[in-house]
Amino acid sequence: MNNQSTKTSANKEKKIAIVAEIKEKLGRSKAMVFANYGGLTHKQLEDMKKEIKKLDATFVVAKNNLFKLAFTETGTAANEKQMTDEQLQGQTGAMFLYSDVVSPLKILSKMIKEIEKPEIKFGILDGKVISKADVLKLATLPNRETLISQMLGMMQSPTVRLVKALNWNIVKLAMTLNAVAKTKS
């Protein structure tokens, strides 16, 4: 009987540690994606974890009620009011995205195209639950660095065009004076 209570206590401590880990990740993440990882081999799952870890993201597998408990305890905006029990059915893993939201989703999207697994359930972005389709749309966006460079290019474009236009008038004047000088000589 004492052995039984020790097992129960150890199991409860393990669950408390898992909830604490999820709460810590919730606090740090900019976005989350929940997926059914069923059908993936252990190697496929570990390979995905290694790839997304390089991009400052993690994938955590836990029981659905532990995810719900972590959301409830943190008071996350996307808690049980927005998440339905149907969304957290079956095997659930959560991808926590810390800095760049798009790059890890590109890896997930590529994996889905190649092996049709895992199956995205839903995501959370800015405290709001988003659909599977919205998560896949996010994966099609360019990464953060590309977006920044595109924005800078658009901001510089009017200035560059103005400089070229002003220079063209000077170049045109110089060419005209040169042509006049050649005709007079």
N, C-alpha and C. Protein backbone atom coordinates (compact mmCIF):
# COMPACT_ATOMS: atom_id res chain seq x y z
N MET A 1 0.82 -1.19 0.00
CA MET A 1 0.00 0.00 0.00
C MET A 1 0.87 1.25 0.00
N ASN A 2 1.93 1.24 0.74
CA ASN A 2 2.85 2.36 0.77
C ASN A 2 3.49 2.55 -0.59
N ASN A 3 3.78 1.43 -1.28
CA ASN A 3 4.35 1.47 -2.62
C ASN A 3 3.37 2.13 -3.60
N GLN A 4 2.08 1.84 -3.41
CA GLN A 4 1.03 2.43 -4.27
C GLN A 4 0.99 3.94 -4.10
N SER A 5 1.04 4.43 -2.87
CA SER A 5 0.98 5.88 -2.64
C SER A 5 2.24 6.56 -3.15
N THR A 6 3.38 5.87 -3.12
CA THR A 6 4.62 6.42 -3.65
C THR A 6 4.52 6.59 -5.16
N LYS A 7 3.94 5.58 -5.85
CA LYS A 7 3.75 5.66 -7.30
C LYS A 7 2.80 6.80 -7.64
N THR A 8 1.70 6.91 -6.88
CA THR A 8 0.73 7.97 -7.14
C THR A 8 1.37 9.33 -6.92
N SER A 9 2.14 9.46 -5.86
CA SER A 9 2.78 10.72 -5.56
C SER A 9 3.80 11.09 -6.64
N ALA A 10 4.59 10.11 -7.10
CA ALA A 10 5.57 10.36 -8.14
C ALA A 10 4.88 10.73 -9.45
N ASN A 11 3.76 10.06 -9.75
CA ASN A 11 2.99 10.36 -10.95
C ASN A 11 2.43 11.78 -10.88
N LYS A 12 1.92 12.16 -9.72
CA LYS A 12 1.36 13.50 -9.53
C LYS A 12 2.46 14.55 -9.66
N GLU A 13 3.63 14.29 -9.11
CA GLU A 13 4.75 15.23 -9.21
C GLU A 13 5.18 15.39 -10.67
N LYS A 14 5.17 14.30 -11.40
CA LYS A 14 5.54 14.35 -12.82
C LYS A 14 4.54 15.22 -13.59
N LYS A 15 3.26 15.05 -13.30
CA LYS A 15 2.23 15.86 -13.97
C LYS A 15 2.38 17.34 -13.60
N ILE A 16 2.69 17.61 -12.33
CA ILE A 16 2.88 19.00 -11.90
C ILE A 16 4.07 19.61 -12.64
N ALA A 17 5.13 18.83 -12.83
CA ALA A 17 6.31 19.31 -13.56
C ALA A 17 5.97 19.59 -15.02
N ILE A 18 5.17 18.72 -15.62
CA ILE A 18 4.78 18.91 -17.02
C ILE A 18 3.94 20.17 -17.17
N VAL A 19 2.99 20.38 -16.26
CA VAL A 19 2.15 21.59 -16.30
C VAL A 19 3.02 22.83 -16.11
N ALA A 20 3.99 22.78 -15.20
CA ALA A 20 4.89 23.92 -14.98
C ALA A 20 5.70 24.22 -16.24
N GLU A 21 6.16 23.16 -16.93
CA GLU A 21 6.92 23.34 -18.17
C GLU A 21 6.04 23.99 -19.24
N ILE A 22 4.81 23.52 -19.36
CA ILE A 22 3.89 24.08 -20.36
C ILE A 22 3.60 25.55 -20.02
N LYS A 23 3.39 25.85 -18.75
CA LYS A 23 3.12 27.24 -18.34
C LYS A 23 4.30 28.15 -18.66
N GLU A 24 5.51 27.65 -18.44
CA GLU A 24 6.70 28.44 -18.76
C GLU A 24 6.77 28.71 -20.25
N LYS A 25 6.50 27.71 -21.06
CA LYS A 25 6.52 27.86 -22.51
C LYS A 25 5.40 28.78 -22.99
N LEU A 26 4.25 28.71 -22.34
CA LEU A 26 3.13 29.61 -22.67
C LEU A 26 3.53 31.06 -22.44
N GLY A 27 4.23 31.30 -21.35
CA GLY A 27 4.64 32.66 -21.03
C GLY A 27 5.64 33.24 -22.02
N ARG A 28 6.48 32.40 -22.59
CA ARG A 28 7.52 32.86 -23.52
C ARG A 28 7.07 32.92 -24.97
N SER A 29 6.07 32.14 -25.35
CA SER A 29 5.75 31.96 -26.77
C SER A 29 4.92 33.12 -27.34
N LYS A 30 5.18 33.40 -28.62
CA LYS A 30 4.40 34.38 -29.37
C LYS A 30 3.18 33.72 -30.00
N ALA A 31 3.32 32.44 -30.31
CA ALA A 31 2.23 31.69 -30.94
C ALA A 31 2.39 30.21 -30.62
N MET A 32 1.30 29.47 -30.78
CA MET A 32 1.30 28.03 -30.55
C MET A 32 0.48 27.36 -31.63
N VAL A 33 0.87 26.13 -31.94
CA VAL A 33 0.11 25.32 -32.89
C VAL A 33 -0.08 23.96 -32.25
N PHE A 34 -1.33 23.51 -32.21
CA PHE A 34 -1.65 22.20 -31.64
C PHE A 34 -1.94 21.24 -32.78
N ALA A 35 -1.35 20.05 -32.67
CA ALA A 35 -1.46 19.08 -33.76
C ALA A 35 -1.61 17.67 -33.20
N ASN A 36 -2.27 16.83 -33.99
CA ASN A 36 -2.36 15.42 -33.69
C ASN A 36 -1.13 14.77 -34.32
N TYR A 37 -0.24 14.28 -33.47
CA TYR A 37 1.01 13.71 -33.97
C TYR A 37 0.90 12.21 -34.23
N GLY A 38 -0.28 11.65 -34.06
CA GLY A 38 -0.49 10.22 -34.29
C GLY A 38 -0.09 9.82 -35.69
N GLY A 39 0.58 8.69 -35.82
CA GLY A 39 1.02 8.22 -37.12
C GLY A 39 2.46 8.57 -37.44
N LEU A 40 3.04 9.49 -36.68
CA LEU A 40 4.44 9.82 -36.88
C LEU A 40 5.31 8.80 -36.17
N THR A 41 6.41 8.44 -36.79
CA THR A 41 7.35 7.56 -36.11
C THR A 41 8.14 8.40 -35.11
N HIS A 42 8.79 7.72 -34.18
CA HIS A 42 9.59 8.42 -33.18
C HIS A 42 10.70 9.23 -33.87
N LYS A 43 11.31 8.66 -34.89
CA LYS A 43 12.38 9.34 -35.61
C LYS A 43 11.86 10.60 -36.30
N GLN A 44 10.69 10.51 -36.94
CA GLN A 44 10.12 11.68 -37.61
C GLN A 44 9.84 12.80 -36.61
N LEU A 45 9.29 12.43 -35.46
CA LEU A 45 8.98 13.40 -34.43
C LEU A 45 10.25 14.05 -33.90
N GLU A 46 11.27 13.26 -33.63
CA GLU A 46 12.54 13.79 -33.12
C GLU A 46 13.24 14.65 -34.16
N ASP A 47 13.18 14.27 -35.43
CA ASP A 47 13.78 15.08 -36.50
C ASP A 47 13.09 16.45 -36.59
N MET A 48 11.76 16.45 -36.49
CA MET A 48 11.03 17.72 -36.52
C MET A 48 11.42 18.58 -35.32
N LYS A 49 11.51 17.98 -34.14
CA LYS A 49 11.89 18.73 -32.93
C LYS A 49 13.27 19.37 -33.09
N LYS A 50 14.22 18.62 -33.68
CA LYS A 50 15.57 19.16 -33.87
C LYS A 50 15.57 20.33 -34.84
N GLU A 51 14.81 20.20 -35.93
CA GLU A 51 14.76 21.27 -36.94
C GLU A 51 14.14 22.54 -36.39
N ILE A 52 13.03 22.42 -35.66
CA ILE A 52 12.37 23.63 -35.16
C ILE A 52 13.12 24.23 -33.98
N LYS A 53 13.87 23.42 -33.25
CA LYS A 53 14.65 23.95 -32.13
C LYS A 53 15.69 24.95 -32.63
N LYS A 54 16.25 24.70 -33.83
CA LYS A 54 17.21 25.62 -34.43
C LYS A 54 16.57 26.98 -34.71
N LEU A 55 15.24 26.99 -34.86
CA LEU A 55 14.51 28.21 -35.20
C LEU A 55 13.81 28.81 -33.98
N ASP A 56 14.26 28.44 -32.78
CA ASP A 56 13.72 28.95 -31.52
C ASP A 56 12.24 28.59 -31.35
N ALA A 57 11.97 27.30 -31.48
CA ALA A 57 10.62 26.77 -31.25
C ALA A 57 10.78 25.39 -30.62
N THR A 58 9.74 24.95 -29.92
CA THR A 58 9.77 23.60 -29.33
C THR A 58 8.45 22.90 -29.58
N PHE A 59 8.50 21.58 -29.55
CA PHE A 59 7.30 20.77 -29.71
C PHE A 59 7.18 19.91 -28.47
N VAL A 60 6.05 20.02 -27.78
CA VAL A 60 5.83 19.30 -26.53
C VAL A 60 4.62 18.39 -26.67
N VAL A 61 4.78 17.16 -26.22
CA VAL A 61 3.68 16.20 -26.21
C VAL A 61 3.23 16.03 -24.76
N ALA A 62 1.92 16.16 -24.54
CA ALA A 62 1.38 15.99 -23.19
C ALA A 62 -0.08 15.58 -23.31
N LYS A 63 -0.63 15.17 -22.18
CA LYS A 63 -2.04 14.81 -22.15
C LYS A 63 -2.88 16.08 -22.29
N ASN A 64 -4.03 15.93 -22.92
CA ASN A 64 -4.91 17.07 -23.18
C ASN A 64 -5.31 17.80 -21.90
N ASN A 65 -5.61 17.05 -20.83
CA ASN A 65 -6.03 17.73 -19.60
C ASN A 65 -4.89 18.53 -18.98
N LEU A 66 -3.63 18.14 -19.24
CA LEU A 66 -2.51 18.93 -18.73
C LEU A 66 -2.37 20.24 -19.50
N PHE A 67 -2.62 20.20 -20.80
CA PHE A 67 -2.63 21.45 -21.58
C PHE A 67 -3.74 22.37 -21.05
N LYS A 68 -4.94 21.82 -20.85
CA LYS A 68 -6.06 22.63 -20.35
C LYS A 68 -5.74 23.22 -18.98
N LEU A 69 -5.14 22.42 -18.11
CA LEU A 69 -4.79 22.88 -16.78
C LEU A 69 -3.78 24.02 -16.84
N ALA A 70 -2.79 23.89 -17.70
CA ALA A 70 -1.78 24.94 -17.84
C ALA A 70 -2.41 26.23 -18.34
N PHE A 71 -3.34 26.13 -19.30
CA PHE A 71 -4.03 27.33 -19.80
C PHE A 71 -4.86 27.97 -18.71
N THR A 72 -5.55 27.16 -17.94
CA THR A 72 -6.40 27.68 -16.88
C THR A 72 -5.55 28.38 -15.82
N GLU A 73 -4.45 27.76 -15.42
CA GLU A 73 -3.61 28.33 -14.37
C GLU A 73 -2.89 29.60 -14.79
N THR A 74 -2.59 29.74 -16.08
CA THR A 74 -1.90 30.95 -16.54
C THR A 74 -2.87 32.07 -16.90
N GLY A 75 -4.15 31.73 -17.03
CA GLY A 75 -5.13 32.75 -17.42
C GLY A 75 -4.92 33.22 -18.83
N THR A 76 -4.37 32.36 -19.67
CA THR A 76 -4.14 32.70 -21.07
C THR A 76 -5.47 33.06 -21.73
N ALA A 77 -5.44 34.10 -22.57
CA ALA A 77 -6.67 34.56 -23.22
C ALA A 77 -7.34 33.44 -24.00
N ALA A 78 -6.54 32.57 -24.59
CA ALA A 78 -7.12 31.47 -25.38
C ALA A 78 -7.28 30.26 -24.46
N ASN A 79 -8.01 30.43 -23.40
CA ASN A 79 -8.18 29.32 -22.46
C ASN A 79 -9.42 28.52 -22.79
N GLU A 80 -9.96 27.84 -21.80
CA GLU A 80 -11.06 26.91 -22.06
C GLU A 80 -12.31 27.58 -22.64
N LYS A 81 -12.43 28.90 -22.54
CA LYS A 81 -13.59 29.58 -23.13
C LYS A 81 -13.54 29.51 -24.65
N GLN A 82 -12.33 29.58 -25.21
CA GLN A 82 -12.19 29.58 -26.66
C GLN A 82 -11.84 28.19 -27.20
N MET A 83 -11.17 27.40 -26.40
CA MET A 83 -10.80 26.05 -26.83
C MET A 83 -11.92 25.09 -26.48
N THR A 84 -12.31 24.31 -27.43
CA THR A 84 -13.36 23.34 -27.18
C THR A 84 -12.75 21.97 -26.91
N ASP A 85 -13.52 21.11 -26.28
CA ASP A 85 -13.04 19.76 -26.00
C ASP A 85 -12.79 18.99 -27.30
N GLU A 86 -13.54 19.31 -28.36
CA GLU A 86 -13.32 18.62 -29.63
C GLU A 86 -11.94 18.94 -30.20
N GLN A 87 -11.46 20.16 -29.97
CA GLN A 87 -10.15 20.54 -30.49
C GLN A 87 -9.03 19.77 -29.80
N LEU A 88 -9.22 19.45 -28.54
CA LEU A 88 -8.20 18.71 -27.80
C LEU A 88 -8.62 17.26 -27.61
N GLN A 89 -8.81 16.58 -28.70
CA GLN A 89 -9.13 15.14 -28.69
C GLN A 89 -7.96 14.38 -29.26
N GLY A 90 -7.78 13.16 -28.82
CA GLY A 90 -6.73 12.31 -29.38
C GLY A 90 -5.36 12.74 -28.91
N GLN A 91 -4.35 12.29 -29.63
CA GLN A 91 -2.97 12.61 -29.28
C GLN A 91 -2.68 14.06 -29.65
N THR A 92 -2.18 14.81 -28.68
CA THR A 92 -1.96 16.23 -28.92
C THR A 92 -0.52 16.61 -28.59
N GLY A 93 0.06 17.35 -29.51
CA GLY A 93 1.36 17.96 -29.29
C GLY A 93 1.23 19.44 -29.60
N ALA A 94 2.02 20.24 -28.90
CA ALA A 94 1.95 21.69 -29.12
C ALA A 94 3.31 22.20 -29.55
N MET A 95 3.30 23.01 -30.60
CA MET A 95 4.51 23.68 -31.05
C MET A 95 4.47 25.09 -30.48
N PHE A 96 5.46 25.42 -29.68
CA PHE A 96 5.57 26.75 -29.10
C PHE A 96 6.58 27.55 -29.92
N LEU A 97 6.14 28.70 -30.44
CA LEU A 97 6.96 29.53 -31.32
C LEU A 97 7.38 30.78 -30.56
N TYR A 98 8.68 30.95 -30.36
CA TYR A 98 9.16 32.02 -29.48
C TYR A 98 9.55 33.30 -30.19
N SER A 99 10.29 33.25 -31.28
CA SER A 99 10.69 34.49 -31.93
C SER A 99 10.05 34.61 -33.31
N ASP A 100 10.56 33.86 -34.27
CA ASP A 100 10.01 33.88 -35.62
C ASP A 100 8.85 32.88 -35.69
N VAL A 101 7.68 33.36 -36.01
CA VAL A 101 6.50 32.50 -36.05
C VAL A 101 6.45 31.70 -37.35
N VAL A 102 6.93 32.26 -38.43
CA VAL A 102 6.72 31.69 -39.76
C VAL A 102 7.66 30.52 -40.07
N SER A 103 8.95 30.66 -39.79
CA SER A 103 9.93 29.64 -40.19
C SER A 103 9.63 28.25 -39.64
N PRO A 104 9.33 28.10 -38.34
CA PRO A 104 8.98 26.75 -37.85
C PRO A 104 7.70 26.20 -38.51
N LEU A 105 6.76 27.09 -38.82
CA LEU A 105 5.53 26.65 -39.48
C LEU A 105 5.81 26.16 -40.90
N LYS A 106 6.83 26.72 -41.54
CA LYS A 106 7.22 26.25 -42.86
C LYS A 106 7.70 24.80 -42.78
N ILE A 107 8.45 24.47 -41.73
CA ILE A 107 8.93 23.10 -41.54
C ILE A 107 7.74 22.17 -41.31
N LEU A 108 6.81 22.61 -40.47
CA LEU A 108 5.61 21.81 -40.20
C LEU A 108 4.81 21.61 -41.49
N SER A 109 4.63 22.68 -42.26
CA SER A 109 3.88 22.60 -43.51
C SER A 109 4.57 21.66 -44.51
N LYS A 110 5.89 21.74 -44.60
CA LYS A 110 6.64 20.86 -45.49
C LYS A 110 6.45 19.40 -45.08
N MET A 111 6.48 19.15 -43.79
CA MET A 111 6.30 17.79 -43.28
C MET A 111 4.90 17.27 -43.62
N ILE A 112 3.92 18.13 -43.48
CA ILE A 112 2.54 17.74 -43.80
C ILE A 112 2.41 17.41 -45.28
N LYS A 113 3.06 18.21 -46.15
CA LYS A 113 3.00 17.95 -47.60
C LYS A 113 3.68 16.63 -47.96
N GLU A 114 4.80 16.34 -47.27
CA GLU A 114 5.57 15.15 -47.61
C GLU A 114 4.94 13.86 -47.09
N ILE A 115 4.52 13.85 -45.82
CA ILE A 115 4.03 12.60 -45.23
C ILE A 115 2.60 12.68 -44.70
N GLU A 116 1.96 13.84 -44.93
CA GLU A 116 0.57 14.06 -44.52
C GLU A 116 0.36 13.90 -43.01
N LYS A 117 1.40 14.11 -42.25
CA LYS A 117 1.34 14.08 -40.79
C LYS A 117 2.25 15.17 -40.28
N PRO A 118 2.06 15.73 -39.14
CA PRO A 118 0.93 15.64 -38.23
C PRO A 118 -0.26 16.42 -38.76
N GLU A 119 -1.39 16.23 -38.14
CA GLU A 119 -2.61 16.92 -38.53
C GLU A 119 -2.81 18.11 -37.59
N ILE A 120 -2.80 19.30 -38.15
CA ILE A 120 -2.98 20.51 -37.34
C ILE A 120 -4.41 20.55 -36.82
N LYS A 121 -4.55 20.84 -35.53
CA LYS A 121 -5.88 20.98 -34.93
C LYS A 121 -6.30 22.44 -34.92
N PHE A 122 -5.45 23.30 -34.37
CA PHE A 122 -5.71 24.74 -34.30
C PHE A 122 -4.43 25.43 -33.85
N GLY A 123 -4.45 26.74 -33.84
CA GLY A 123 -3.31 27.51 -33.36
C GLY A 123 -3.78 28.63 -32.48
N ILE A 124 -2.84 29.25 -31.81
CA ILE A 124 -3.14 30.43 -30.99
C ILE A 124 -2.12 31.50 -31.37
N LEU A 125 -2.62 32.65 -31.78
CA LEU A 125 -1.78 33.77 -32.17
C LEU A 125 -2.35 35.02 -31.54
N ASP A 126 -1.53 35.75 -30.81
CA ASP A 126 -1.97 36.97 -30.12
C ASP A 126 -3.18 36.72 -29.22
N GLY A 127 -3.19 35.58 -28.55
CA GLY A 127 -4.25 35.28 -27.60
C GLY A 127 -5.56 34.85 -28.22
N LYS A 128 -5.58 34.64 -29.53
CA LYS A 128 -6.81 34.23 -30.21
C LYS A 128 -6.61 32.87 -30.86
N VAL A 129 -7.64 32.06 -30.79
CA VAL A 129 -7.60 30.75 -31.43
C VAL A 129 -7.78 30.96 -32.93
N ILE A 130 -6.89 30.35 -33.72
CA ILE A 130 -6.98 30.43 -35.17
C ILE A 130 -7.15 29.03 -35.75
N SER A 131 -7.74 28.96 -36.90
CA SER A 131 -8.06 27.67 -37.52
C SER A 131 -6.84 27.04 -38.18
N LYS A 132 -7.00 25.80 -38.57
CA LYS A 132 -5.97 25.06 -39.29
C LYS A 132 -5.60 25.80 -40.57
N ALA A 133 -6.61 26.29 -41.29
CA ALA A 133 -6.36 27.02 -42.54
C ALA A 133 -5.52 28.27 -42.29
N ASP A 134 -5.81 28.97 -41.19
CA ASP A 134 -5.04 30.18 -40.87
C ASP A 134 -3.59 29.84 -40.54
N VAL A 135 -3.38 28.73 -39.85
CA VAL A 135 -2.02 28.30 -39.52
C VAL A 135 -1.25 28.01 -40.81
N LEU A 136 -1.90 27.32 -41.74
CA LEU A 136 -1.24 27.01 -43.02
C LEU A 136 -0.99 28.27 -43.85
N LYS A 137 -1.87 29.27 -43.75
CA LYS A 137 -1.65 30.55 -44.44
C LYS A 137 -0.41 31.25 -43.88
N LEU A 138 -0.26 31.20 -42.54
CA LEU A 138 0.91 31.80 -41.92
C LEU A 138 2.20 31.17 -42.44
N ALA A 139 2.14 29.87 -42.69
CA ALA A 139 3.33 29.14 -43.17
C ALA A 139 3.74 29.58 -44.57
N THR A 140 2.85 30.20 -45.32
CA THR A 140 3.18 30.64 -46.68
C THR A 140 3.81 32.03 -46.71
N LEU A 141 3.78 32.74 -45.59
CA LEU A 141 4.38 34.07 -45.54
C LEU A 141 5.90 33.97 -45.62
N PRO A 142 6.56 35.01 -46.12
CA PRO A 142 8.02 35.03 -46.08
C PRO A 142 8.49 35.13 -44.62
N ASN A 143 9.73 34.74 -44.35
CA ASN A 143 10.22 34.82 -42.98
C ASN A 143 10.44 36.27 -42.57
N ARG A 144 10.74 36.48 -41.32
CA ARG A 144 10.85 37.82 -40.73
C ARG A 144 11.89 38.67 -41.45
N GLU A 145 13.07 38.12 -41.70
CA GLU A 145 14.15 38.87 -42.35
C GLU A 145 13.75 39.32 -43.75
N THR A 146 13.08 38.45 -44.48
CA THR A 146 12.64 38.80 -45.83
C THR A 146 11.60 39.92 -45.78
N LEU A 147 10.66 39.83 -44.85
CA LEU A 147 9.65 40.89 -44.71
C LEU A 147 10.28 42.23 -44.36
N ILE A 148 11.27 42.20 -43.48
CA ILE A 148 11.95 43.45 -43.09
C ILE A 148 12.68 44.04 -44.30
N SER A 149 13.38 43.20 -45.05
CA SER A 149 14.11 43.72 -46.21
C SER A 149 13.14 44.24 -47.28
N GLN A 150 12.00 43.58 -47.45
CA GLN A 150 11.00 44.07 -48.41
C GLN A 150 10.46 45.42 -47.96
N MET A 151 10.19 45.56 -46.67
CA MET A 151 9.67 46.81 -46.15
C MET A 151 10.70 47.93 -46.32
N LEU A 152 11.96 47.65 -46.00
CA LEU A 152 13.01 48.66 -46.18
C LEU A 152 13.15 49.05 -47.64
N GLY A 153 13.06 48.08 -48.53
CA GLY A 153 13.13 48.37 -49.96
C GLY A 153 12.00 49.29 -50.40
N MET A 154 10.80 49.03 -49.88
CA MET A 154 9.65 49.88 -50.23
C MET A 154 9.82 51.28 -49.65
N MET A 155 10.41 51.36 -48.45
CA MET A 155 10.61 52.68 -47.84
C MET A 155 11.67 53.48 -48.59
N GLN A 156 12.70 52.80 -49.11
CA GLN A 156 13.77 53.48 -49.83
C GLN A 156 13.39 53.80 -51.27
N SER A 157 12.44 53.12 -51.82
CA SER A 157 12.09 53.26 -53.22
C SER A 157 11.79 54.70 -53.63
N PRO A 158 10.93 55.45 -52.94
CA PRO A 158 10.66 56.82 -53.37
C PRO A 158 11.92 57.70 -53.33
N THR A 159 12.76 57.52 -52.33
CA THR A 159 13.98 58.30 -52.22
C THR A 159 14.92 57.99 -53.37
N VAL A 160 15.09 56.73 -53.66
CA VAL A 160 15.99 56.33 -54.75
C VAL A 160 15.47 56.87 -56.08
N ARG A 161 14.17 56.80 -56.29
CA ARG A 161 13.61 57.33 -57.55
C ARG A 161 13.79 58.84 -57.64
N LEU A 162 13.65 59.58 -56.53
CA LEU A 162 13.84 61.03 -56.52
C LEU A 162 15.29 61.37 -56.86
N VAL A 163 16.23 60.67 -56.26
CA VAL A 163 17.65 60.92 -56.54
C VAL A 163 17.95 60.65 -58.01
N LYS A 164 17.43 59.55 -58.54
CA LYS A 164 17.66 59.24 -59.95
C LYS A 164 17.04 60.30 -60.85
N ALA A 165 15.85 60.77 -60.50
CA ALA A 165 15.18 61.80 -61.31
C ALA A 165 15.98 63.10 -61.29
N LEU A 166 16.45 63.50 -60.11
CA LEU A 166 17.25 64.72 -60.02
C LEU A 166 18.58 64.57 -60.76
N ASN A 167 19.21 63.42 -60.62
CA ASN A 167 20.48 63.17 -61.33
C ASN A 167 20.27 63.15 -62.84
N TRP A 168 19.15 62.62 -63.28
CA TRP A 168 18.89 62.53 -64.71
C TRP A 168 18.86 63.92 -65.34
N ASN A 169 18.27 64.87 -64.65
CA ASN A 169 18.23 66.24 -65.19
C ASN A 169 19.64 66.81 -65.34
N ILE A 170 20.50 66.54 -64.38
CA ILE A 170 21.88 67.03 -64.46
C ILE A 170 22.62 66.32 -65.59
N VAL A 171 22.44 65.00 -65.69
CA VAL A 171 23.08 64.23 -66.75
C VAL A 171 22.58 64.71 -68.12
N LYS A 172 21.29 64.96 -68.22
CA LYS A 172 20.70 65.42 -69.48
C LYS A 172 21.28 66.79 -69.87
N LEU A 173 21.44 67.69 -68.88
CA LEU A 173 22.02 69.00 -69.14
C LEU A 173 23.47 68.86 -69.61
N ALA A 174 24.23 67.98 -68.96
CA ALA A 174 25.63 67.77 -69.35
C ALA A 174 25.72 67.20 -70.76
N MET A 175 24.85 66.26 -71.08
CA MET A 175 24.87 65.68 -72.44
C MET A 175 24.49 66.73 -73.47
N THR A 176 23.53 67.58 -73.16
CA THR A 176 23.12 68.65 -74.09
C THR A 176 24.25 69.63 -74.30
N LEU A 177 24.91 70.05 -73.22
CA LEU A 177 26.05 70.98 -73.34
C LEU A 177 27.19 70.36 -74.13
N ASN A 178 27.43 69.09 -73.93
CA ASN A 178 28.47 68.36 -74.65
C ASN A 178 28.13 68.31 -76.15
N ALA A 179 26.87 68.05 -76.46
CA ALA A 179 26.44 67.99 -77.86
C ALA A 179 26.56 69.38 -78.51
N VAL A 180 26.20 70.41 -77.78
CA VAL A 180 26.32 71.79 -78.32
C VAL A 180 27.79 72.13 -78.55
N ALA A 181 28.63 71.72 -77.60
CA ALA A 181 30.07 72.01 -77.73
C ALA A 181 30.65 71.31 -78.96
N LYS A 182 30.21 70.07 -79.23
CA LYS A 182 30.72 69.31 -80.39
C LYS A 182 30.26 69.96 -81.71
N THR A 183 29.05 70.49 -81.73
CA THR A 183 28.56 71.11 -82.97
C THR A 183 29.24 72.43 -83.26
N LYS A 184 29.68 73.13 -82.22
CA LYS A 184 30.33 74.42 -82.41
C LYS A 184 31.82 74.25 -82.74
N SER A 185 32.35 73.10 -82.46
CA SER A 185 33.78 72.94 -82.77
C SER A 185 34.04 72.36 -84.11
